[in-house]
Amino acid sequence: MRTAGLILGSGAGSRFGGEKLAAVLDGRPLLAHVLAALATVPLDEILVVLRPDASAGLRATASGPGIRVVENPDAEGGLSTSLRLGVAALAAALEPPDLVVVALGDQPRVRAGVVRALLEAAGGRGAPSITVPAYEDGGGRNPVVLARAAFGLAAEATGDTGLGPLLAAHPELVAVVAVDGGNPDVDTPTELARLAGGGGKGPAESR
């Protein structure tokens, strides 16, 4: 069974004040934390969606064996455009993956153990098309694992949201895996500082 990671990283970061994923946490860019977590799963490929105007530094962060970058020319259209583009790019590969881990580039505390638990649940016989975590601390249900049968559903995402609304609309397709802790995202410099100090942010809806 082939598995791939998809990191959505083409947001403008307007609330942060600029290129958010290049901001440093614990000595590394936010994007580097997400890449490191997915790289230890391991996955057959990791696809990173960036803005066309992404800096050279951010592109360097997203380089390495098994990592591919695609540019989102419609990045201003919101998170859904990165989701649609990334899933389509993976589906069109010579060897398309059976399972795709969709992660957000601004969630540097994403844990490899959670990803492994999701993949194990998603790879079981008769598993639903979408597998999500339910964190003990609450918060959004990311990362999300999509089986190939759900690739078409991802194409229906619109606006500045990811899979959240689609998950709510199709509960019969979703399996939930309970995990401990949380997975906070970083939207502002204040939230980054809080995370660096060992804290997080309050519960947020799935994007």
Protein backbone atom coordinates (compact mmCIF):
# COMPACT_ATOMS: atom_id res chain seq x y z
CA MET A 1 0.00 0.00 0.00
CA ARG A 2 1.46 3.33 -1.08
CA THR A 3 1.17 6.30 1.25
CA ALA A 4 1.88 9.98 0.69
CA GLY A 5 1.91 13.15 2.72
CA LEU A 6 0.36 16.41 1.54
CA ILE A 7 1.34 19.58 3.38
CA LEU A 8 -0.82 22.63 2.68
CA GLY A 9 1.45 25.66 2.87
CA SER A 10 0.32 28.30 0.40
CA GLY A 11 -1.57 30.59 2.78
CA ALA A 12 -0.71 34.28 2.82
CA GLY A 13 -0.11 34.31 6.58
CA SER A 14 -1.74 37.76 6.74
CA ARG A 15 -2.62 37.48 10.44
CA PHE A 16 0.99 36.56 11.12
CA GLY A 17 2.36 39.44 9.09
CA GLY A 18 3.97 37.53 6.25
CA GLU A 19 5.53 34.20 5.40
CA LYS A 20 4.39 32.30 8.46
CA LEU A 21 5.83 28.89 7.65
CA ALA A 22 9.34 30.33 7.60
CA ALA A 23 8.95 31.63 11.17
CA VAL A 24 11.30 29.89 13.57
CA LEU A 25 10.20 27.68 16.46
CA ASP A 26 12.80 25.83 18.53
CA GLY A 27 15.49 26.72 15.99
CA ARG A 28 13.65 25.49 12.89
CA PRO A 29 11.01 26.92 10.53
CA LEU A 30 7.44 25.83 11.23
CA LEU A 31 7.36 23.91 7.96
CA ALA A 32 10.49 21.96 8.95
CA HIS A 33 8.71 20.61 12.05
CA VAL A 34 5.82 19.26 9.97
CA LEU A 35 8.16 17.74 7.39
CA ALA A 36 10.22 16.07 10.11
CA ALA A 37 7.14 14.48 11.67
CA LEU A 38 5.91 13.07 8.37
CA ALA A 39 9.39 11.93 7.34
CA THR A 40 9.63 9.61 10.34
CA VAL A 41 6.36 7.78 9.62
CA PRO A 42 7.67 6.99 6.87
CA LEU A 43 5.75 7.85 3.68
CA ASP A 44 6.54 7.03 0.06
CA GLU A 45 6.34 10.69 -0.92
CA ILE A 46 5.67 14.09 0.61
CA LEU A 47 4.11 16.83 -1.51
CA VAL A 48 4.29 20.43 -0.29
CA VAL A 49 2.03 23.10 -1.76
CA LEU A 50 3.60 26.56 -1.69
CA ARG A 51 2.79 29.99 -3.04
CA PRO A 52 4.47 31.05 -6.30
CA ASP A 53 6.20 33.85 -4.37
CA ALA A 54 7.50 31.59 -1.60
CA SER A 55 10.97 32.65 -0.49
CA ALA A 56 14.14 30.79 -1.39
CA GLY A 57 14.55 29.91 2.27
CA LEU A 58 11.14 28.28 2.48
CA ARG A 59 11.76 26.39 -0.75
CA ALA A 60 15.06 25.16 0.67
CA THR A 61 13.22 23.91 3.74
CA ALA A 62 10.88 21.95 1.47
CA SER A 63 13.70 20.28 -0.44
CA GLY A 64 15.13 16.84 0.15
CA PRO A 65 14.76 13.17 -0.79
CA GLY A 66 11.16 12.11 -1.27
CA ILE A 67 9.83 15.68 -1.10
CA ARG A 68 8.13 17.36 -4.05
CA VAL A 69 6.93 20.96 -4.25
CA VAL A 70 4.04 22.25 -6.35
CA GLU A 71 3.09 25.90 -6.67
CA ASN A 72 -0.48 27.04 -6.19
CA PRO A 73 -1.20 29.79 -8.72
CA ASP A 74 -4.63 30.33 -7.12
CA ALA A 75 -3.35 30.64 -3.55
CA GLU A 76 -5.47 33.74 -2.92
CA GLY A 77 -8.53 31.53 -3.35
CA GLY A 78 -7.99 30.00 0.07
CA LEU A 79 -7.00 26.72 1.70
CA SER A 80 -9.29 24.63 -0.48
CA THR A 81 -7.31 25.51 -3.60
CA SER A 82 -4.16 23.96 -2.09
CA LEU A 83 -6.10 20.87 -1.06
CA ARG A 84 -7.59 20.37 -4.51
CA LEU A 85 -4.28 21.01 -6.26
CA GLY A 86 -2.29 18.71 -4.00
CA VAL A 87 -4.70 15.78 -4.12
CA ALA A 88 -4.97 16.10 -7.91
CA ALA A 89 -1.17 16.13 -8.27
CA LEU A 90 -0.82 12.97 -6.19
CA ALA A 91 -3.69 11.22 -7.97
CA ALA A 92 -2.05 11.94 -11.33
CA ALA A 93 1.27 10.36 -10.33
CA LEU A 94 2.56 7.32 -12.18
CA GLU A 95 2.00 5.36 -8.97
CA PRO A 96 -0.79 7.18 -7.12
CA PRO A 97 -0.98 6.61 -3.37
CA ASP A 98 -3.66 4.53 -1.73
CA LEU A 99 -3.67 6.79 1.34
CA VAL A 100 -2.81 10.49 1.66
CA VAL A 101 -2.03 12.23 4.95
CA VAL A 102 -3.24 15.84 4.62
CA ALA A 103 -1.38 18.06 7.10
CA LEU A 104 -1.32 21.80 7.68
CA GLY A 105 2.01 23.58 7.42
CA ASP A 106 1.22 25.79 10.42
CA GLN A 107 0.83 22.94 12.91
CA PRO A 108 4.43 22.33 14.02
CA ARG A 109 3.46 20.06 16.92
CA VAL A 110 1.91 17.40 14.68
CA ARG A 111 3.15 14.03 15.91
CA ALA A 112 4.38 11.08 13.90
CA GLY A 113 2.69 8.73 16.36
CA VAL A 114 -0.69 10.23 15.57
CA VAL A 115 -0.07 9.90 11.84
CA ARG A 116 0.90 6.24 12.27
CA ALA A 117 -2.27 5.56 14.27
CA LEU A 118 -4.39 7.17 11.57
CA LEU A 119 -2.69 5.22 8.78
CA GLU A 120 -3.10 1.95 10.67
CA ALA A 121 -6.81 2.60 11.10
CA ALA A 122 -7.24 3.76 7.51
CA GLY A 123 -5.46 0.72 6.10
CA GLY A 124 -7.72 -1.82 7.77
CA ARG A 125 -10.19 -3.95 5.87
CA GLY A 126 -13.49 -2.14 5.44
CA ALA A 127 -12.11 1.15 6.77
CA PRO A 128 -14.05 4.32 5.87
CA SER A 129 -12.68 6.65 3.19
CA ILE A 130 -11.56 9.35 5.65
CA THR A 131 -9.79 8.96 8.99
CA VAL A 132 -9.36 11.80 11.48
CA PRO A 133 -7.99 12.24 15.01
CA ALA A 134 -10.02 13.34 17.99
CA TYR A 135 -7.60 15.04 20.39
CA GLU A 136 -7.97 14.84 24.14
CA ASP A 137 -7.41 18.61 24.27
CA GLY A 138 -10.07 19.30 21.63
CA GLY A 139 -9.32 21.36 18.56
CA GLY A 140 -9.42 20.71 14.85
CA ARG A 141 -9.29 17.21 13.37
CA ASN A 142 -5.96 17.40 11.57
CA PRO A 143 -4.10 15.73 10.00
CA VAL A 144 -6.65 13.87 7.89
CA VAL A 145 -6.02 10.60 6.06
CA LEU A 146 -7.81 10.22 2.73
CA ALA A 147 -8.21 6.89 1.00
CA ARG A 148 -8.18 6.97 -2.78
CA ALA A 149 -11.98 6.65 -2.79
CA ALA A 150 -12.17 10.09 -1.13
CA PHE A 151 -9.94 11.94 -3.61
CA GLY A 152 -13.02 13.06 -5.54
CA LEU A 153 -14.58 14.42 -2.36
CA ALA A 154 -11.51 16.57 -1.73
CA ALA A 155 -12.08 18.12 -5.15
CA GLU A 156 -15.38 19.52 -3.83
CA ALA A 157 -13.71 21.70 -1.17
CA THR A 158 -14.29 25.43 -1.65
CA GLY A 159 -13.20 28.74 -0.14
CA ASP A 160 -10.75 29.22 2.69
CA THR A 161 -11.56 25.92 4.35
CA GLY A 162 -10.13 22.46 4.02
CA LEU A 163 -12.00 19.24 4.68
CA GLY A 164 -13.90 20.38 7.78
CA PRO A 165 -17.24 21.15 6.09
CA LEU A 166 -17.04 18.01 3.97
CA LEU A 167 -16.40 15.85 7.02
CA ALA A 168 -19.45 17.34 8.69
CA ALA A 169 -21.55 16.71 5.58
CA HIS A 170 -20.45 13.07 5.18
CA PRO A 171 -20.10 11.52 8.66
CA GLU A 172 -20.77 8.07 7.22
CA LEU A 173 -17.40 8.24 5.42
CA VAL A 174 -15.39 9.22 8.50
CA ALA A 175 -13.57 7.10 11.08
CA VAL A 176 -12.38 8.81 14.27
CA VAL A 177 -9.25 7.80 16.17
CA ALA A 178 -8.97 9.05 19.75
CA VAL A 179 -5.49 10.39 20.61
CA ASP A 180 -4.01 12.21 23.56
CA GLY A 181 -2.71 15.78 23.68
CA GLY A 182 -3.48 18.34 21.00
CA ASN A 183 -2.25 19.79 17.71
CA PRO A 184 -2.36 23.61 17.88
CA ASP A 185 -1.91 25.76 14.81
CA VAL A 186 -0.03 29.04 14.59
CA ASP A 187 -1.90 32.03 13.15
CA THR A 188 -0.25 34.98 14.93
CA PRO A 189 3.13 35.90 16.46
CA THR A 190 1.48 35.73 19.87
CA GLU A 191 0.45 32.13 19.30
CA LEU A 192 3.96 31.30 18.13
CA ALA A 193 5.42 32.81 21.29
CA ARG A 194 2.92 30.89 23.42
CA LEU A 195 3.82 27.64 21.68
CA ALA A 196 7.54 28.32 22.13
CA GLY A 197 6.84 28.77 25.83
CA GLY A 198 5.22 25.37 26.07
CA GLY A 199 1.61 26.46 25.68
CA GLY A 200 -0.96 26.13 22.95
CA LYS A 201 -4.12 27.80 21.81
CA GLY A 202 -7.72 27.14 22.56
CA PRO A 203 -9.82 24.65 20.63
CA ALA A 204 -10.43 25.54 17.00
CA GLU A 205 -12.71 24.14 14.35
CA SER A 206 -11.39 21.84 11.61
CA ARG A 207 -10.30 23.81 8.59
